[in-house]
Amino acid sequence: MSQWPAAKAKRVLAALLTLGWRVKRQTGSHKTLAREGWADVVFAFHDGEEIGPRMLARVAKHTGLRPEDL
């Protein structure tokens, strides 16, 4: 069983912004997020879209997101 719950993209983005990520630029639903000391990350999800545990684990690997941040 994964430690990651499924979550809406809007909630995940809000958690990333709380961690210090900022939207560097946006084209449509593709947001490029930036944070000091980290490589830029493209967040390409619509707000109402459900992100599953596997994808959340991938996002976490590149952003430092933890399950308790959601």
PDB file of N, CA and C in Angstrom:
ATOM      1  N   MET A   1       0.841  -1.185   0.000  1.00  0.00           N
ATOM      2  CA  MET A   1       0.000   0.000   0.000  1.00  0.00           C
ATOM      3  C   MET A   1       0.884   1.245   0.000  1.00  0.00           C
ATOM      4  N   SER A   2       0.541   2.181  -0.833  1.00  0.00           N
ATOM      5  CA  SER A   2       1.302   3.417  -0.947  1.00  0.00           C
ATOM      6  C   SER A   2       0.988   4.350   0.218  1.00  0.00           C
ATOM      7  N   GLN A   3       1.985   5.134   0.617  1.00  0.00           N
ATOM      8  CA  GLN A   3       1.760   6.126   1.664  1.00  0.00           C
ATOM      9  C   GLN A   3       1.074   7.371   1.125  1.00  0.00           C
ATOM     10  N   TRP A   4       0.978   7.467  -0.207  1.00  0.00           N
ATOM     11  CA  TRP A   4       0.375   8.624  -0.859  1.00  0.00           C
ATOM     12  C   TRP A   4      -1.102   8.396  -1.109  1.00  0.00           C
ATOM     13  N   PRO A   5      -1.963   9.304  -0.673  1.00  0.00           N
ATOM     14  CA  PRO A   5      -3.381   9.230  -1.041  1.00  0.00           C
ATOM     15  C   PRO A   5      -3.579   9.900  -2.398  1.00  0.00           C
ATOM     16  N   ALA A   6      -4.652   9.594  -3.068  1.00  0.00           N
ATOM     17  CA  ALA A   6      -4.995  10.337  -4.285  1.00  0.00           C
ATOM     18  C   ALA A   6      -5.438  11.734  -3.846  1.00  0.00           C
ATOM     19  N   ALA A   7      -5.149  12.732  -4.661  1.00  0.00           N
ATOM     20  CA  ALA A   7      -5.510  14.105  -4.300  1.00  0.00           C
ATOM     21  C   ALA A   7      -5.821  14.907  -5.555  1.00  0.00           C
ATOM     22  N   LYS A   8      -6.630  15.919  -5.407  1.00  0.00           N
ATOM     23  CA  LYS A   8      -6.942  16.818  -6.517  1.00  0.00           C
ATOM     24  C   LYS A   8      -5.711  17.682  -6.816  1.00  0.00           C
ATOM     25  N   ALA A   9      -5.527  18.007  -8.079  1.00  0.00           N
ATOM     26  CA  ALA A   9      -4.373  18.792  -8.503  1.00  0.00           C
ATOM     27  C   ALA A   9      -4.352  20.162  -7.823  1.00  0.00           C
ATOM     28  N   LYS A  10      -5.503  20.752  -7.620  1.00  0.00           N
ATOM     29  CA  LYS A  10      -5.580  22.062  -6.967  1.00  0.00           C
ATOM     30  C   LYS A  10      -4.988  22.004  -5.557  1.00  0.00           C
ATOM     31  N   ARG A  11      -5.261  20.913  -4.853  1.00  0.00           N
ATOM     32  CA  ARG A  11      -4.747  20.730  -3.493  1.00  0.00           C
ATOM     33  C   ARG A  11      -3.228  20.511  -3.505  1.00  0.00           C
ATOM     34  N   VAL A  12      -2.751  19.747  -4.469  1.00  0.00           N
ATOM     35  CA  VAL A  12      -1.313  19.481  -4.583  1.00  0.00           C
ATOM     36  C   VAL A  12      -0.571  20.777  -4.905  1.00  0.00           C
ATOM     37  N   LEU A  13      -1.101  21.565  -5.832  1.00  0.00           N
ATOM     38  CA  LEU A  13      -0.480  22.832  -6.186  1.00  0.00           C
ATOM     39  C   LEU A  13      -0.442  23.776  -4.987  1.00  0.00           C
ATOM     40  N   ALA A  14      -1.520  23.825  -4.223  1.00  0.00           N
ATOM     41  CA  ALA A  14      -1.556  24.676  -3.030  1.00  0.00           C
ATOM     42  C   ALA A  14      -0.486  24.243  -2.026  1.00  0.00           C
ATOM     43  N   ALA A  15      -0.288  22.933  -1.878  1.00  0.00           N
ATOM     44  CA  ALA A  15       0.737  22.426  -0.963  1.00  0.00           C
ATOM     45  C   ALA A  15       2.131  22.813  -1.455  1.00  0.00           C
ATOM     46  N   LEU A  16       2.350  22.741  -2.768  1.00  0.00           N
ATOM     47  CA  LEU A  16       3.656  23.113  -3.326  1.00  0.00           C
ATOM     48  C   LEU A  16       3.932  24.601  -3.126  1.00  0.00           C
ATOM     49  N   LEU A  17       2.918  25.432  -3.320  1.00  0.00           N
ATOM     50  CA  LEU A  17       3.080  26.871  -3.121  1.00  0.00           C
ATOM     51  C   LEU A  17       3.390  27.185  -1.658  1.00  0.00           C
ATOM     52  N   THR A  18       2.803  26.423  -0.749  1.00  0.00           N
ATOM     53  CA  THR A  18       3.069  26.589   0.678  1.00  0.00           C
ATOM     54  C   THR A  18       4.514  26.224   1.008  1.00  0.00           C
ATOM     55  N   LEU A  19       5.065  25.246   0.281  1.00  0.00           N
ATOM     56  CA  LEU A  19       6.452  24.819   0.508  1.00  0.00           C
ATOM     57  C   LEU A  19       7.479  25.803  -0.050  1.00  0.00           C
ATOM     58  N   GLY A  20       7.029  26.807  -0.765  1.00  0.00           N
ATOM     59  CA  GLY A  20       7.959  27.801  -1.287  1.00  0.00           C
ATOM     60  C   GLY A  20       8.100  27.799  -2.803  1.00  0.00           C
ATOM     61  N   TRP A  21       7.390  26.923  -3.475  1.00  0.00           N
ATOM     62  CA  TRP A  21       7.401  26.932  -4.940  1.00  0.00           C
ATOM     63  C   TRP A  21       6.584  28.116  -5.409  1.00  0.00           C
ATOM     64  N   ARG A  22       6.934  28.679  -6.566  1.00  0.00           N
ATOM     65  CA  ARG A  22       6.156  29.769  -7.144  1.00  0.00           C
ATOM     66  C   ARG A  22       5.940  29.471  -8.620  1.00  0.00           C
ATOM     67  N   VAL A  23       4.881  30.026  -9.172  1.00  0.00           N
ATOM     68  CA  VAL A  23       4.599  29.851 -10.591  1.00  0.00           C
ATOM     69  C   VAL A  23       5.489  30.828 -11.354  1.00  0.00           C
ATOM     70  N   LYS A  24       6.432  30.282 -12.090  1.00  0.00           N
ATOM     71  CA  LYS A  24       7.374  31.095 -12.859  1.00  0.00           C
ATOM     72  C   LYS A  24       6.721  31.592 -14.140  1.00  0.00           C
ATOM     73  N   ARG A  25       6.003  30.700 -14.816  1.00  0.00           N
ATOM     74  CA  ARG A  25       5.239  31.064 -16.010  1.00  0.00           C
ATOM     75  C   ARG A  25       4.169  30.004 -16.232  1.00  0.00           C
ATOM     76  N   GLN A  26       3.198  30.350 -17.076  1.00  0.00           N
ATOM     77  CA  GLN A  26       2.091  29.441 -17.361  1.00  0.00           C
ATOM     78  C   GLN A  26       1.679  29.571 -18.815  1.00  0.00           C
ATOM     79  N   THR A  27       1.459  28.419 -19.442  1.00  0.00           N
ATOM     80  CA  THR A  27       0.914  28.353 -20.788  1.00  0.00           C
ATOM     81  C   THR A  27      -0.224  27.344 -20.757  1.00  0.00           C
ATOM     82  N   GLY A  28      -1.454  27.831 -20.795  1.00  0.00           N
ATOM     83  CA  GLY A  28      -2.596  26.928 -20.667  1.00  0.00           C
ATOM     84  C   GLY A  28      -2.617  26.326 -19.275  1.00  0.00           C
ATOM     85  N   SER A  29      -2.701  24.994 -19.208  1.00  0.00           N
ATOM     86  CA  SER A  29      -2.713  24.327 -17.907  1.00  0.00           C
ATOM     87  C   SER A  29      -1.313  23.925 -17.450  1.00  0.00           C
ATOM     88  N   HIS A  30      -0.298  24.205 -18.268  1.00  0.00           N
ATOM     89  CA  HIS A  30       1.081  23.866 -17.910  1.00  0.00           C
ATOM     90  C   HIS A  30       1.711  25.016 -17.126  1.00  0.00           C
ATOM     91  N   LYS A  31       1.996  24.749 -15.866  1.00  0.00           N
ATOM     92  CA  LYS A  31       2.629  25.752 -15.012  1.00  0.00           C
ATOM     93  C   LYS A  31       4.079  25.328 -14.772  1.00  0.00           C
ATOM     94  N   THR A  32       5.011  26.241 -14.962  1.00  0.00           N
ATOM     95  CA  THR A  32       6.406  25.972 -14.626  1.00  0.00           C
ATOM     96  C   THR A  32       6.631  26.540 -13.239  1.00  0.00           C
ATOM     97  N   LEU A  33       6.982  25.646 -12.304  1.00  0.00           N
ATOM     98  CA  LEU A  33       7.198  26.049 -10.924  1.00  0.00           C
ATOM     99  C   LEU A  33       8.692  26.186 -10.662  1.00  0.00           C
ATOM    100  N   ALA A  34       9.069  27.159  -9.863  1.00  0.00           N
ATOM    101  CA  ALA A  34      10.467  27.394  -9.531  1.00  0.00           C
ATOM    102  C   ALA A  34      10.607  27.536  -8.020  1.00  0.00           C
ATOM    103  N   ARG A  35      11.766  27.091  -7.527  1.00  0.00           N
ATOM    104  CA  ARG A  35      12.099  27.240  -6.109  1.00  0.00           C
ATOM    105  C   ARG A  35      13.614  27.314  -6.004  1.00  0.00           C
ATOM    106  N   GLU A  36      14.091  28.185  -5.167  1.00  0.00           N
ATOM    107  CA  GLU A  36      15.532  28.358  -4.974  1.00  0.00           C
ATOM    108  C   GLU A  36      16.174  27.039  -4.553  1.00  0.00           C
ATOM    109  N   GLY A  37      17.229  26.649  -5.264  1.00  0.00           N
ATOM    110  CA  GLY A  37      17.949  25.431  -4.921  1.00  0.00           C
ATOM    111  C   GLY A  37      17.402  24.165  -5.567  1.00  0.00           C
ATOM    112  N   TRP A  38      16.338  24.283  -6.348  1.00  0.00           N
ATOM    113  CA  TRP A  38      15.707  23.138  -7.011  1.00  0.00           C
ATOM    114  C   TRP A  38      15.614  23.419  -8.505  1.00  0.00           C
ATOM    115  N   ALA A  39      15.592  22.361  -9.285  1.00  0.00           N
ATOM    116  CA  ALA A  39      15.365  22.503 -10.725  1.00  0.00           C
ATOM    117  C   ALA A  39      13.896  22.853 -10.958  1.00  0.00           C
ATOM    118  N   ASP A  40      13.613  23.611 -12.021  1.00  0.00           N
ATOM    119  CA  ASP A  40      12.225  23.952 -12.357  1.00  0.00           C
ATOM    120  C   ASP A  40      11.441  22.682 -12.647  1.00  0.00           C
ATOM    121  N   VAL A  41      10.149  22.715 -12.313  1.00  0.00           N
ATOM    122  CA  VAL A  41       9.255  21.570 -12.494  1.00  0.00           C
ATOM    123  C   VAL A  41       8.038  22.034 -13.279  1.00  0.00           C
ATOM    124  N   VAL A  42       7.608  21.236 -14.256  1.00  0.00           N
ATOM    125  CA  VAL A  42       6.388  21.542 -15.002  1.00  0.00           C
ATOM    126  C   VAL A  42       5.233  20.811 -14.339  1.00  0.00           C
ATOM    127  N   PHE A  43       4.226  21.557 -13.930  1.00  0.00           N
ATOM    128  CA  PHE A  43       3.026  21.001 -13.301  1.00  0.00           C
ATOM    129  C   PHE A  43       1.917  21.099 -14.340  1.00  0.00           C
ATOM    130  N   ALA A  44       1.573  19.978 -14.955  1.00  0.00           N
ATOM    131  CA  ALA A  44       0.663  19.973 -16.113  1.00  0.00           C
ATOM    132  C   ALA A  44      -0.662  19.279 -15.805  1.00  0.00           C
ATOM    133  N   PHE A  45      -1.324  19.712 -14.756  1.00  0.00           N
ATOM    134  CA  PHE A  45      -2.597  19.110 -14.363  1.00  0.00           C
ATOM    135  C   PHE A  45      -3.670  20.187 -14.286  1.00  0.00           C
ATOM    136  N   HIS A  46      -4.894  19.835 -14.653  1.00  0.00           N
ATOM    137  CA  HIS A  46      -6.029  20.726 -14.478  1.00  0.00           C
ATOM    138  C   HIS A  46      -6.436  20.689 -13.012  1.00  0.00           C
ATOM    139  N   ASP A  47      -6.988  21.784 -12.494  1.00  0.00           N
ATOM    140  CA  ASP A  47      -7.316  21.902 -11.074  1.00  0.00           C
ATOM    141  C   ASP A  47      -8.185  20.766 -10.542  1.00  0.00           C
ATOM    142  N   GLY A  48      -9.182  20.353 -11.290  1.00  0.00           N
ATOM    143  CA  GLY A  48     -10.110  19.335 -10.809  1.00  0.00           C
ATOM    144  C   GLY A  48      -9.647  17.911 -11.041  1.00  0.00           C
ATOM    145  N   GLU A  49      -8.513  17.741 -11.680  1.00  0.00           N
ATOM    146  CA  GLU A  49      -8.002  16.416 -12.012  1.00  0.00           C
ATOM    147  C   GLU A  49      -7.504  15.687 -10.766  1.00  0.00           C
ATOM    148  N   GLU A  50      -7.809  14.401 -10.679  1.00  0.00           N
ATOM    149  CA  GLU A  50      -7.366  13.552  -9.574  1.00  0.00           C
ATOM    150  C   GLU A  50      -5.971  13.016  -9.897  1.00  0.00           C
ATOM    151  N   ILE A  51      -5.032  13.207  -8.988  1.00  0.00           N
ATOM    152  CA  ILE A  51      -3.672  12.691  -9.170  1.00  0.00           C
ATOM    153  C   ILE A  51      -3.529  11.476  -8.268  1.00  0.00           C
ATOM    154  N   GLY A  52      -3.165  10.356  -8.863  1.00  0.00           N
ATOM    155  CA  GLY A  52      -3.048   9.106  -8.122  1.00  0.00           C
ATOM    156  C   GLY A  52      -1.760   9.002  -7.326  1.00  0.00           C
ATOM    157  N   PRO A  53      -1.665   7.958  -6.499  1.00  0.00           N
ATOM    158  CA  PRO A  53      -0.504   7.778  -5.624  1.00  0.00           C
ATOM    159  C   PRO A  53       0.833   7.674  -6.370  1.00  0.00           C
ATOM    160  N   ARG A  54       0.874   6.972  -7.483  1.00  0.00           N
ATOM    161  CA  ARG A  54       2.140   6.830  -8.211  1.00  0.00           C
ATOM    162  C   ARG A  54       2.625   8.167  -8.771  1.00  0.00           C
ATOM    163  N   MET A  55       1.719   8.921  -9.342  1.00  0.00           N
ATOM    164  CA  MET A  55       2.106  10.222  -9.893  1.00  0.00           C
ATOM    165  C   MET A  55       2.497  11.181  -8.777  1.00  0.00           C
ATOM    166  N   LEU A  56       1.812  11.111  -7.647  1.00  0.00           N
ATOM    167  CA  LEU A  56       2.176  11.961  -6.511  1.00  0.00           C
ATOM    168  C   LEU A  56       3.583  11.633  -6.022  1.00  0.00           C
ATOM    169  N   ALA A  57       3.940  10.361  -6.019  1.00  0.00           N
ATOM    170  CA  ALA A  57       5.286   9.962  -5.614  1.00  0.00           C
ATOM    171  C   ALA A  57       6.325  10.537  -6.573  1.00  0.00           C
ATOM    172  N   ARG A  58       5.998  10.562  -7.860  1.00  0.00           N
ATOM    173  CA  ARG A  58       6.922  11.144  -8.847  1.00  0.00           C
ATOM    174  C   ARG A  58       7.067  12.645  -8.645  1.00  0.00           C
ATOM    175  N   VAL A  59       5.941  13.316  -8.412  1.00  0.00           N
ATOM    176  CA  VAL A  59       5.979  14.766  -8.165  1.00  0.00           C
ATOM    177  C   VAL A  59       6.810  15.037  -6.910  1.00  0.00           C
ATOM    178  N   ALA A  60       6.616  14.229  -5.878  1.00  0.00           N
ATOM    179  CA  ALA A  60       7.332  14.409  -4.616  1.00  0.00           C
ATOM    180  C   ALA A  60       8.831  14.256  -4.790  1.00  0.00           C
ATOM    181  N   LYS A  61       9.238  13.338  -5.634  1.00  0.00           N
ATOM    182  CA  LYS A  61      10.663  13.091  -5.866  1.00  0.00           C
ATOM    183  C   LYS A  61      11.355  14.346  -6.411  1.00  0.00           C
ATOM    184  N   HIS A  62      10.645  15.118  -7.214  1.00  0.00           N
ATOM    185  CA  HIS A  62      11.226  16.301  -7.841  1.00  0.00           C
ATOM    186  C   HIS A  62      10.967  17.597  -7.078  1.00  0.00           C
ATOM    187  N   THR A  63      10.065  17.570  -6.086  1.00  0.00           N
ATOM    188  CA  THR A  63       9.678  18.815  -5.427  1.00  0.00           C
ATOM    189  C   THR A  63       9.897  18.813  -3.905  1.00  0.00           C
ATOM    190  N   GLY A  64      10.132  17.665  -3.310  1.00  0.00           N
ATOM    191  CA  GLY A  64      10.276  17.608  -1.863  1.00  0.00           C
ATOM    192  C   GLY A  64       8.954  17.534  -1.121  1.00  0.00           C
ATOM    193  N   LEU A  65       7.882  17.320  -1.847  1.00  0.00           N
ATOM    194  CA  LEU A  65       6.549  17.189  -1.230  1.00  0.00           C
ATOM    195  C   LEU A  65       6.501  15.925  -0.374  1.00  0.00           C
ATOM    196  N   ARG A  66       5.827  16.008   0.760  1.00  0.00           N
ATOM    197  CA  ARG A  66       5.646  14.844   1.650  1.00  0.00           C
ATOM    198  C   ARG A  66       4.154  14.595   1.834  1.00  0.00           C
ATOM    199  N   PRO A  67       3.770  13.359   2.161  1.00  0.00           N
ATOM    200  CA  PRO A  67       2.333  13.064   2.349  1.00  0.00           C
ATOM    201  C   PRO A  67       1.672  13.963   3.391  1.00  0.00           C
ATOM    202  N   GLU A  68       2.390  14.310   4.437  1.00  0.00           N
ATOM    203  CA  GLU A  68       1.791  15.158   5.476  1.00  0.00           C
ATOM    204  C   GLU A  68       1.595  16.598   5.029  1.00  0.00           C
ATOM    205  N   ASP A  69       2.221  16.993   3.913  1.00  0.00           N
ATOM    206  CA  ASP A  69       2.021  18.348   3.369  1.00  0.00           C
ATOM    207  C   ASP A  69       0.650  18.506   2.742  1.00  0.00           C
ATOM    208  N   LEU A  70       0.046  17.386   2.342  1.00  0.00           N
ATOM    209  CA  LEU A  70      -1.290  17.455   1.760  1.00  0.00           C
ATOM    210  C   LEU A  70      -2.267  17.533   2.877  1.00  0.00           C
TER     211      LEU A  70
END
